[in-house]
Every structure is written in structure tokens, then in C-alpha cells.
Amino acid sequence: PGENGGEDMIIIACTDDNQGMLFNHRRQSQDRVQRQRMLQRTGGAKLWVDTYTAGLFSAESREQLEIDDQCLEYAADGEFCFEENPGTVEEKIEKIILYRWNRVYPADVHFPIDFSGWKLVQAEEFAGSSHERITEEIYERVNPNM
């Protein structure tokens, strides 16, 4: 487990246009190119995931993963946590990397963070393997001393 119980981690998530993430306990979508880009974004650093999410990754990329169903609790300062089943505690987050599918899917679980306290600092579109256009958005806290 992480050194300090998940303060100031970097959350990574995928959502549709309505912040939807899951429907009937299953992810809305997935994309191979998005996963590769996410691993590159971490710069080779550890990526915390739960057991459900770990199944998305190839054997080679699993070496970079730290797999624990309580990953939000264990990720330490500056560590990345790919969160597919929101239980996010907003005050523990320093940065959000959001991948948007740029469409609307059925959803019964949504990304829980209200972006009013966050600033979009970077946005870039790229072509995925299953989606013509995926948008990567990076958010930082407006007031980091929250």
C-alpha cells in the first residue's frame, strides 16, 4: 500500500458526455489506444487499478500495475489511480485525467466530481481503436489548499 493513504493522487477515468461510467455493473466502453495513451501519460510510474480494471491490460502492461480493490485508499502522493467504479473522495485528488468517449451511452453510475472547483488545463483529441474521437482532458484544482 501507498505511504500516506491516498492524499493528492491523480485520478484517471473514462466517461461519456453525461459523465456516465458504468451500466448494469459493466463499463460503458473500452479502447486499446486510450489504454496505451494512459500508460504513456503516467510516464512509466505505477498505475493503481482494481481487479475488475486489471483485466483490460495485456500481460506486458500489467508489470506497471498495482492491483488492489482498495486502490483509492492506498495510492500515495503523485500516484495514478485508474478509477472505473467511482468511490472517489475528492479532497484526496490533486489532478484528474479524464477520457471522454464523445457520445452518450446508457449509464447508471456517473463520475462523482463536480468540476466547478477544477480548472481544465489541457485538452487533446485523438483517434482510438474503437472510437473515432476520444478527448483527453486534464484538470487541476482551482484552490489546491482545499
N, C-alpha and C. Protein backbone atom coordinates (compact mmCIF):
# COMPACT_ATOMS: atom_id res chain seq x y z
N PRO A 1 0.80 -1.20 0.00
CA PRO A 1 0.00 0.00 0.00
C PRO A 1 0.85 1.26 0.00
N GLY A 2 0.22 2.35 -0.45
CA GLY A 2 0.91 3.63 -0.54
C GLY A 2 1.32 4.16 0.82
N GLU A 3 2.17 5.17 0.80
CA GLU A 3 2.77 5.67 2.01
C GLU A 3 1.81 6.42 2.92
N ASN A 4 0.85 7.13 2.33
CA ASN A 4 0.06 8.01 3.18
C ASN A 4 -1.44 7.86 3.00
N GLY A 5 -1.89 6.76 2.47
CA GLY A 5 -3.32 6.53 2.39
C GLY A 5 -4.04 7.39 1.39
N GLY A 6 -3.43 7.72 0.28
CA GLY A 6 -4.15 8.31 -0.83
C GLY A 6 -4.35 9.80 -0.80
N GLU A 7 -3.40 10.57 -0.31
CA GLU A 7 -3.51 12.02 -0.38
C GLU A 7 -2.89 12.49 -1.70
N ASP A 8 -3.57 13.41 -2.37
CA ASP A 8 -3.03 14.06 -3.56
C ASP A 8 -2.66 13.11 -4.69
N MET A 9 -3.53 12.17 -4.95
CA MET A 9 -3.31 11.24 -6.06
C MET A 9 -3.85 11.85 -7.35
N ILE A 10 -3.53 11.18 -8.45
CA ILE A 10 -4.01 11.60 -9.77
C ILE A 10 -5.01 10.55 -10.22
N ILE A 11 -6.26 10.97 -10.40
CA ILE A 11 -7.32 10.06 -10.80
C ILE A 11 -7.43 10.06 -12.32
N ILE A 12 -7.59 8.88 -12.89
CA ILE A 12 -7.84 8.73 -14.32
C ILE A 12 -9.19 8.03 -14.45
N ALA A 13 -10.04 8.53 -15.34
CA ALA A 13 -11.36 7.93 -15.54
C ALA A 13 -11.80 8.11 -16.99
N CYS A 14 -12.77 7.32 -17.39
CA CYS A 14 -13.38 7.41 -18.72
C CYS A 14 -14.87 7.66 -18.53
N THR A 15 -15.40 8.65 -19.28
CA THR A 15 -16.83 8.95 -19.16
C THR A 15 -17.43 9.23 -20.53
N ASP A 16 -18.75 9.18 -20.56
CA ASP A 16 -19.46 9.63 -21.75
C ASP A 16 -19.78 11.12 -21.59
N ASP A 17 -20.56 11.68 -22.49
CA ASP A 17 -20.86 13.12 -22.45
C ASP A 17 -21.68 13.53 -21.23
N ASN A 18 -22.32 12.58 -20.57
CA ASN A 18 -23.13 12.86 -19.38
C ASN A 18 -22.44 12.40 -18.09
N GLN A 19 -21.11 12.24 -18.14
CA GLN A 19 -20.32 11.77 -17.01
C GLN A 19 -20.62 10.31 -16.64
N GLY A 20 -21.32 9.59 -17.53
CA GLY A 20 -21.62 8.19 -17.28
C GLY A 20 -20.36 7.33 -17.35
N MET A 21 -20.33 6.29 -16.49
CA MET A 21 -19.17 5.39 -16.45
C MET A 21 -19.55 3.92 -16.57
N LEU A 22 -20.58 3.53 -15.84
CA LEU A 22 -20.98 2.12 -15.80
C LEU A 22 -22.47 1.98 -16.08
N PHE A 23 -22.84 0.82 -16.60
CA PHE A 23 -24.25 0.47 -16.77
C PHE A 23 -24.40 -1.00 -16.41
N ASN A 24 -25.29 -1.28 -15.46
CA ASN A 24 -25.53 -2.65 -15.02
C ASN A 24 -24.22 -3.33 -14.60
N HIS A 25 -23.40 -2.63 -13.84
CA HIS A 25 -22.12 -3.13 -13.29
C HIS A 25 -21.07 -3.42 -14.34
N ARG A 26 -21.21 -2.85 -15.53
CA ARG A 26 -20.21 -3.06 -16.60
C ARG A 26 -19.77 -1.70 -17.14
N ARG A 27 -18.50 -1.62 -17.55
CA ARG A 27 -18.00 -0.36 -18.13
C ARG A 27 -18.78 -0.08 -19.41
N GLN A 28 -18.94 1.19 -19.73
CA GLN A 28 -19.67 1.58 -20.94
C GLN A 28 -18.92 1.17 -22.20
N SER A 29 -17.62 1.35 -22.18
CA SER A 29 -16.83 1.10 -23.37
C SER A 29 -15.38 0.92 -22.95
N GLN A 30 -14.54 0.57 -23.92
CA GLN A 30 -13.10 0.47 -23.69
C GLN A 30 -12.41 0.71 -25.01
N ASP A 31 -11.13 1.05 -24.93
CA ASP A 31 -10.40 1.36 -26.16
C ASP A 31 -8.92 1.07 -25.93
N ARG A 32 -8.36 0.27 -26.79
CA ARG A 32 -6.95 -0.14 -26.69
C ARG A 32 -6.00 1.06 -26.78
N VAL A 33 -6.24 1.97 -27.74
CA VAL A 33 -5.38 3.13 -27.92
C VAL A 33 -5.46 4.04 -26.69
N GLN A 34 -6.64 4.19 -26.12
CA GLN A 34 -6.80 5.00 -24.91
C GLN A 34 -5.98 4.41 -23.77
N ARG A 35 -5.99 3.10 -23.60
CA ARG A 35 -5.21 2.47 -22.53
C ARG A 35 -3.71 2.68 -22.75
N GLN A 36 -3.26 2.56 -23.99
CA GLN A 36 -1.83 2.80 -24.29
C GLN A 36 -1.46 4.24 -23.96
N ARG A 37 -2.31 5.17 -24.35
CA ARG A 37 -2.05 6.58 -24.10
C ARG A 37 -2.02 6.86 -22.59
N MET A 38 -2.93 6.24 -21.86
CA MET A 38 -2.98 6.41 -20.41
C MET A 38 -1.68 5.92 -19.77
N LEU A 39 -1.20 4.77 -20.19
CA LEU A 39 0.06 4.24 -19.64
C LEU A 39 1.23 5.16 -19.98
N GLN A 40 1.22 5.73 -21.19
CA GLN A 40 2.26 6.69 -21.56
C GLN A 40 2.17 7.94 -20.69
N ARG A 41 0.95 8.39 -20.41
CA ARG A 41 0.71 9.61 -19.61
C ARG A 41 1.31 9.46 -18.21
N THR A 42 1.34 8.23 -17.69
CA THR A 42 1.88 8.02 -16.34
C THR A 42 3.41 8.04 -16.34
N GLY A 43 4.03 8.06 -17.51
CA GLY A 43 5.48 8.12 -17.60
C GLY A 43 6.18 6.90 -17.02
N GLY A 44 5.51 5.77 -17.08
CA GLY A 44 6.10 4.54 -16.55
C GLY A 44 5.91 4.35 -15.06
N ALA A 45 5.26 5.32 -14.41
CA ALA A 45 5.01 5.20 -12.97
C ALA A 45 3.94 4.14 -12.70
N LYS A 46 3.86 3.72 -11.47
CA LYS A 46 2.85 2.75 -11.04
C LYS A 46 1.45 3.28 -11.34
N LEU A 47 0.57 2.41 -11.80
CA LEU A 47 -0.83 2.74 -12.04
C LEU A 47 -1.68 1.81 -11.18
N TRP A 48 -2.36 2.39 -10.21
CA TRP A 48 -3.24 1.62 -9.33
C TRP A 48 -4.55 1.31 -10.07
N VAL A 49 -5.00 0.08 -9.99
CA VAL A 49 -6.28 -0.34 -10.56
C VAL A 49 -6.89 -1.39 -9.64
N ASP A 50 -8.20 -1.60 -9.78
CA ASP A 50 -8.82 -2.70 -9.04
C ASP A 50 -8.80 -3.95 -9.91
N THR A 51 -9.24 -5.07 -9.37
CA THR A 51 -9.14 -6.34 -10.11
C THR A 51 -10.01 -6.32 -11.36
N TYR A 52 -11.16 -5.66 -11.31
CA TYR A 52 -12.03 -5.56 -12.48
C TYR A 52 -11.30 -4.86 -13.63
N THR A 53 -10.64 -3.77 -13.33
CA THR A 53 -9.94 -2.98 -14.34
C THR A 53 -8.68 -3.67 -14.85
N ALA A 54 -8.01 -4.41 -13.99
CA ALA A 54 -6.75 -5.07 -14.38
C ALA A 54 -6.94 -5.98 -15.59
N GLY A 55 -8.12 -6.55 -15.75
CA GLY A 55 -8.40 -7.43 -16.88
C GLY A 55 -8.32 -6.76 -18.24
N LEU A 56 -8.33 -5.43 -18.26
CA LEU A 56 -8.23 -4.69 -19.52
C LEU A 56 -6.82 -4.71 -20.10
N PHE A 57 -5.83 -4.97 -19.25
CA PHE A 57 -4.44 -4.75 -19.64
C PHE A 57 -3.76 -6.04 -20.06
N SER A 58 -2.85 -5.91 -21.03
CA SER A 58 -2.07 -7.05 -21.51
C SER A 58 -1.08 -7.48 -20.44
N ALA A 59 -0.53 -8.67 -20.60
CA ALA A 59 0.45 -9.20 -19.64
C ALA A 59 1.64 -8.26 -19.52
N GLU A 60 2.11 -7.69 -20.64
CA GLU A 60 3.26 -6.79 -20.61
C GLU A 60 2.97 -5.53 -19.80
N SER A 61 1.77 -4.95 -19.99
CA SER A 61 1.47 -3.71 -19.27
C SER A 61 1.12 -3.96 -17.82
N ARG A 62 0.79 -5.19 -17.47
CA ARG A 62 0.45 -5.49 -16.07
C ARG A 62 1.63 -5.28 -15.13
N GLU A 63 2.85 -5.29 -15.67
CA GLU A 63 4.02 -5.05 -14.82
C GLU A 63 3.99 -3.65 -14.22
N GLN A 64 3.33 -2.72 -14.88
CA GLN A 64 3.23 -1.34 -14.40
C GLN A 64 2.09 -1.17 -13.40
N LEU A 65 1.22 -2.15 -13.28
CA LEU A 65 0.02 -2.03 -12.45
C LEU A 65 0.27 -2.41 -11.00
N GLU A 66 -0.43 -1.72 -10.13
CA GLU A 66 -0.55 -2.11 -8.73
C GLU A 66 -2.03 -2.44 -8.56
N ILE A 67 -2.34 -3.72 -8.35
CA ILE A 67 -3.74 -4.17 -8.36
C ILE A 67 -4.23 -4.37 -6.94
N ASP A 68 -5.28 -3.61 -6.58
CA ASP A 68 -5.88 -3.72 -5.26
C ASP A 68 -7.29 -3.14 -5.33
N ASP A 69 -8.26 -3.85 -4.80
CA ASP A 69 -9.63 -3.35 -4.85
C ASP A 69 -9.86 -2.11 -3.98
N GLN A 70 -8.89 -1.77 -3.16
CA GLN A 70 -8.94 -0.56 -2.34
C GLN A 70 -7.93 0.47 -2.84
N CYS A 71 -7.70 0.50 -4.15
CA CYS A 71 -6.64 1.35 -4.70
C CYS A 71 -6.81 2.82 -4.36
N LEU A 72 -8.04 3.31 -4.25
CA LEU A 72 -8.24 4.71 -3.89
C LEU A 72 -7.71 5.01 -2.49
N GLU A 73 -7.73 4.03 -1.63
CA GLU A 73 -7.23 4.22 -0.26
C GLU A 73 -5.71 4.15 -0.20
N TYR A 74 -5.09 3.40 -1.10
CA TYR A 74 -3.66 3.13 -0.99
C TYR A 74 -2.77 3.99 -1.87
N ALA A 75 -3.30 4.56 -2.94
CA ALA A 75 -2.46 5.37 -3.82
C ALA A 75 -1.88 6.55 -3.05
N ALA A 76 -0.58 6.76 -3.19
CA ALA A 76 0.13 7.80 -2.44
C ALA A 76 0.26 9.09 -3.25
N ASP A 77 0.89 10.09 -2.65
CA ASP A 77 1.12 11.38 -3.32
C ASP A 77 1.68 11.19 -4.72
N GLY A 78 1.04 11.82 -5.70
CA GLY A 78 1.55 11.80 -7.06
C GLY A 78 1.32 10.50 -7.81
N GLU A 79 0.74 9.49 -7.16
CA GLU A 79 0.49 8.22 -7.86
C GLU A 79 -0.81 8.29 -8.65
N PHE A 80 -0.86 7.46 -9.68
CA PHE A 80 -2.01 7.42 -10.59
C PHE A 80 -2.96 6.29 -10.18
N CYS A 81 -4.26 6.57 -10.27
CA CYS A 81 -5.27 5.57 -9.96
C CYS A 81 -6.34 5.63 -11.05
N PHE A 82 -6.46 4.57 -11.84
CA PHE A 82 -7.48 4.48 -12.89
C PHE A 82 -8.75 3.97 -12.23
N GLU A 83 -9.74 4.82 -12.13
CA GLU A 83 -10.95 4.54 -11.38
C GLU A 83 -12.14 4.32 -12.31
N GLU A 84 -12.64 3.09 -12.32
CA GLU A 84 -13.80 2.77 -13.16
C GLU A 84 -15.09 2.66 -12.36
N ASN A 85 -14.98 2.48 -11.06
CA ASN A 85 -16.16 2.34 -10.22
C ASN A 85 -16.08 3.40 -9.12
N PRO A 86 -16.67 4.57 -9.37
CA PRO A 86 -16.42 5.72 -8.52
C PRO A 86 -16.74 5.48 -7.05
N GLY A 87 -15.78 5.82 -6.26
CA GLY A 87 -15.94 5.88 -4.83
C GLY A 87 -15.03 7.02 -4.42
N THR A 88 -14.73 7.86 -5.40
CA THR A 88 -13.72 8.89 -5.29
C THR A 88 -14.00 9.85 -4.13
N VAL A 89 -12.96 10.11 -3.37
CA VAL A 89 -13.02 11.11 -2.31
C VAL A 89 -12.26 12.32 -2.86
N GLU A 90 -13.00 13.33 -3.23
CA GLU A 90 -12.45 14.46 -3.99
C GLU A 90 -11.29 15.16 -3.29
N GLU A 91 -11.33 15.27 -1.97
CA GLU A 91 -10.26 16.01 -1.29
C GLU A 91 -8.91 15.32 -1.36
N LYS A 92 -8.86 14.07 -1.78
CA LYS A 92 -7.60 13.34 -1.88
C LYS A 92 -6.97 13.47 -3.27
N ILE A 93 -7.58 14.24 -4.14
CA ILE A 93 -7.14 14.28 -5.54
C ILE A 93 -6.46 15.60 -5.86
N GLU A 94 -5.30 15.53 -6.52
CA GLU A 94 -4.61 16.74 -6.96
C GLU A 94 -4.87 17.03 -8.44
N LYS A 95 -5.14 15.97 -9.22
CA LYS A 95 -5.30 16.14 -10.66
C LYS A 95 -6.25 15.05 -11.17
N ILE A 96 -6.99 15.37 -12.22
CA ILE A 96 -7.90 14.41 -12.86
C ILE A 96 -7.53 14.34 -14.34
N ILE A 97 -7.32 13.14 -14.84
CA ILE A 97 -7.15 12.92 -16.27
C ILE A 97 -8.40 12.18 -16.72
N LEU A 98 -9.19 12.84 -17.54
CA LEU A 98 -10.47 12.30 -17.96
C LEU A 98 -10.45 12.00 -19.45
N TYR A 99 -10.86 10.80 -19.79
CA TYR A 99 -11.00 10.42 -21.20
C TYR A 99 -12.49 10.39 -21.51
N ARG A 100 -12.89 11.21 -22.47
CA ARG A 100 -14.31 11.29 -22.85
C ARG A 100 -14.53 10.55 -24.16
N TRP A 101 -15.58 9.72 -24.15
CA TRP A 101 -15.92 8.93 -25.34
C TRP A 101 -16.59 9.78 -26.42
N ASN A 102 -17.02 10.99 -26.07
CA ASN A 102 -17.68 11.90 -27.02
C ASN A 102 -18.94 11.30 -27.63
N ARG A 103 -19.68 10.64 -26.79
CA ARG A 103 -21.01 10.13 -27.14
C ARG A 103 -21.73 9.83 -25.84
N VAL A 104 -22.99 9.46 -25.94
CA VAL A 104 -23.78 9.13 -24.75
C VAL A 104 -24.11 7.64 -24.80
N TYR A 105 -23.80 6.97 -23.70
CA TYR A 105 -24.13 5.55 -23.53
C TYR A 105 -25.13 5.41 -22.39
N PRO A 106 -25.85 4.29 -22.33
CA PRO A 106 -26.67 4.05 -21.13
C PRO A 106 -25.74 4.03 -19.91
N ALA A 107 -26.19 4.63 -18.81
CA ALA A 107 -25.36 4.67 -17.60
C ALA A 107 -26.24 4.70 -16.36
N ASP A 108 -25.81 3.98 -15.34
CA ASP A 108 -26.46 4.08 -14.04
C ASP A 108 -25.46 4.45 -12.95
N VAL A 109 -24.18 4.60 -13.32
CA VAL A 109 -23.15 5.09 -12.41
C VAL A 109 -22.41 6.21 -13.14
N HIS A 110 -22.23 7.33 -12.46
CA HIS A 110 -21.62 8.52 -13.07
C HIS A 110 -20.38 8.96 -12.29
N PHE A 111 -19.48 9.66 -12.97
CA PHE A 111 -18.29 10.22 -12.32
C PHE A 111 -18.76 11.21 -11.27
N PRO A 112 -18.30 11.07 -10.03
CA PRO A 112 -18.92 11.80 -8.92
C PRO A 112 -18.42 13.23 -8.68
N ILE A 113 -17.48 13.72 -9.45
CA ILE A 113 -16.90 15.02 -9.14
C ILE A 113 -17.55 16.14 -9.93
N ASP A 114 -17.91 17.19 -9.23
CA ASP A 114 -18.42 18.42 -9.83
C ASP A 114 -17.19 19.25 -10.21
N PHE A 115 -17.07 19.57 -11.47
CA PHE A 115 -15.86 20.23 -11.97
C PHE A 115 -15.82 21.74 -11.68
N SER A 116 -16.76 22.26 -10.90
CA SER A 116 -16.74 23.71 -10.60
C SER A 116 -15.51 24.12 -9.80
N GLY A 117 -14.92 23.21 -9.03
CA GLY A 117 -13.72 23.52 -8.25
C GLY A 117 -12.43 23.14 -8.96
N TRP A 118 -12.55 22.89 -10.26
CA TRP A 118 -11.41 22.41 -11.04
C TRP A 118 -11.23 23.28 -12.28
N LYS A 119 -10.00 23.32 -12.78
CA LYS A 119 -9.68 24.09 -13.98
C LYS A 119 -9.16 23.14 -15.05
N LEU A 120 -9.74 23.22 -16.24
CA LEU A 120 -9.25 22.45 -17.38
C LEU A 120 -7.94 23.08 -17.84
N VAL A 121 -6.83 22.33 -17.74
CA VAL A 121 -5.52 22.89 -18.09
C VAL A 121 -5.00 22.36 -19.42
N GLN A 122 -5.59 21.26 -19.90
CA GLN A 122 -5.16 20.71 -21.19
C GLN A 122 -6.28 19.84 -21.75
N ALA A 123 -6.48 19.90 -23.05
CA ALA A 123 -7.44 19.04 -23.73
C ALA A 123 -6.88 18.70 -25.10
N GLU A 124 -6.96 17.43 -25.44
CA GLU A 124 -6.43 16.98 -26.72
C GLU A 124 -7.27 15.82 -27.24
N GLU A 125 -7.61 15.88 -28.51
CA GLU A 125 -8.36 14.79 -29.13
C GLU A 125 -7.42 13.84 -29.84
N PHE A 126 -7.79 12.57 -29.85
CA PHE A 126 -7.02 11.57 -30.58
C PHE A 126 -7.99 10.49 -31.07
N ALA A 127 -7.55 9.75 -32.07
CA ALA A 127 -8.34 8.65 -32.61
C ALA A 127 -8.02 7.38 -31.84
N GLY A 128 -9.06 6.70 -31.39
CA GLY A 128 -8.88 5.45 -30.68
C GLY A 128 -9.03 4.26 -31.60
N SER A 129 -8.98 3.06 -31.03
CA SER A 129 -9.18 1.85 -31.82
C SER A 129 -10.66 1.55 -32.03
N SER A 130 -11.51 1.99 -31.09
CA SER A 130 -12.94 1.72 -31.19
C SER A 130 -13.77 3.00 -31.31
N HIS A 131 -13.15 4.14 -31.13
CA HIS A 131 -13.83 5.43 -31.19
C HIS A 131 -13.03 6.34 -32.13
N GLU A 132 -13.73 6.98 -33.05
CA GLU A 132 -13.05 7.90 -33.98
C GLU A 132 -12.39 9.05 -33.25
N ARG A 133 -13.03 9.48 -32.14
CA ARG A 133 -12.54 10.66 -31.43
C ARG A 133 -12.72 10.45 -29.93
N ILE A 134 -11.59 10.50 -29.23
CA ILE A 134 -11.58 10.47 -27.77
C ILE A 134 -10.90 11.75 -27.32
N THR A 135 -11.43 12.38 -26.30
CA THR A 135 -10.83 13.61 -25.79
C THR A 135 -10.18 13.33 -24.43
N GLU A 136 -8.91 13.68 -24.33
CA GLU A 136 -8.20 13.59 -23.06
C GLU A 136 -8.22 14.98 -22.44
N GLU A 137 -8.77 15.09 -21.24
CA GLU A 137 -8.84 16.36 -20.53
C GLU A 137 -8.08 16.24 -19.21
N ILE A 138 -7.30 17.24 -18.89
CA ILE A 138 -6.55 17.24 -17.63
C ILE A 138 -7.02 18.43 -16.80
N TYR A 139 -7.44 18.12 -15.59
CA TYR A 139 -7.96 19.12 -14.67
C TYR A 139 -7.06 19.22 -13.44
N GLU A 140 -6.90 20.46 -12.95
CA GLU A 140 -6.20 20.70 -11.70
C GLU A 140 -7.12 21.51 -10.80
N ARG A 141 -6.90 21.40 -9.52
CA ARG A 141 -7.72 22.15 -8.55
C ARG A 141 -7.58 23.65 -8.75
N VAL A 142 -8.68 24.36 -8.62
CA VAL A 142 -8.65 25.82 -8.66
C VAL A 142 -7.97 26.31 -7.39
N ASN A 143 -8.31 25.71 -6.26
CA ASN A 143 -7.70 26.05 -4.97
C ASN A 143 -7.07 24.79 -4.40
N PRO A 144 -5.77 24.58 -4.62
CA PRO A 144 -5.13 23.32 -4.20
C PRO A 144 -5.06 23.14 -2.69
N ASN A 145 -5.40 24.15 -1.90
CA ASN A 145 -5.36 24.03 -0.44
C ASN A 145 -6.68 23.62 0.16
N MET A 146 -7.58 23.05 -0.66
CA MET A 146 -8.89 22.62 -0.16
C MET A 146 -8.74 21.57 0.91
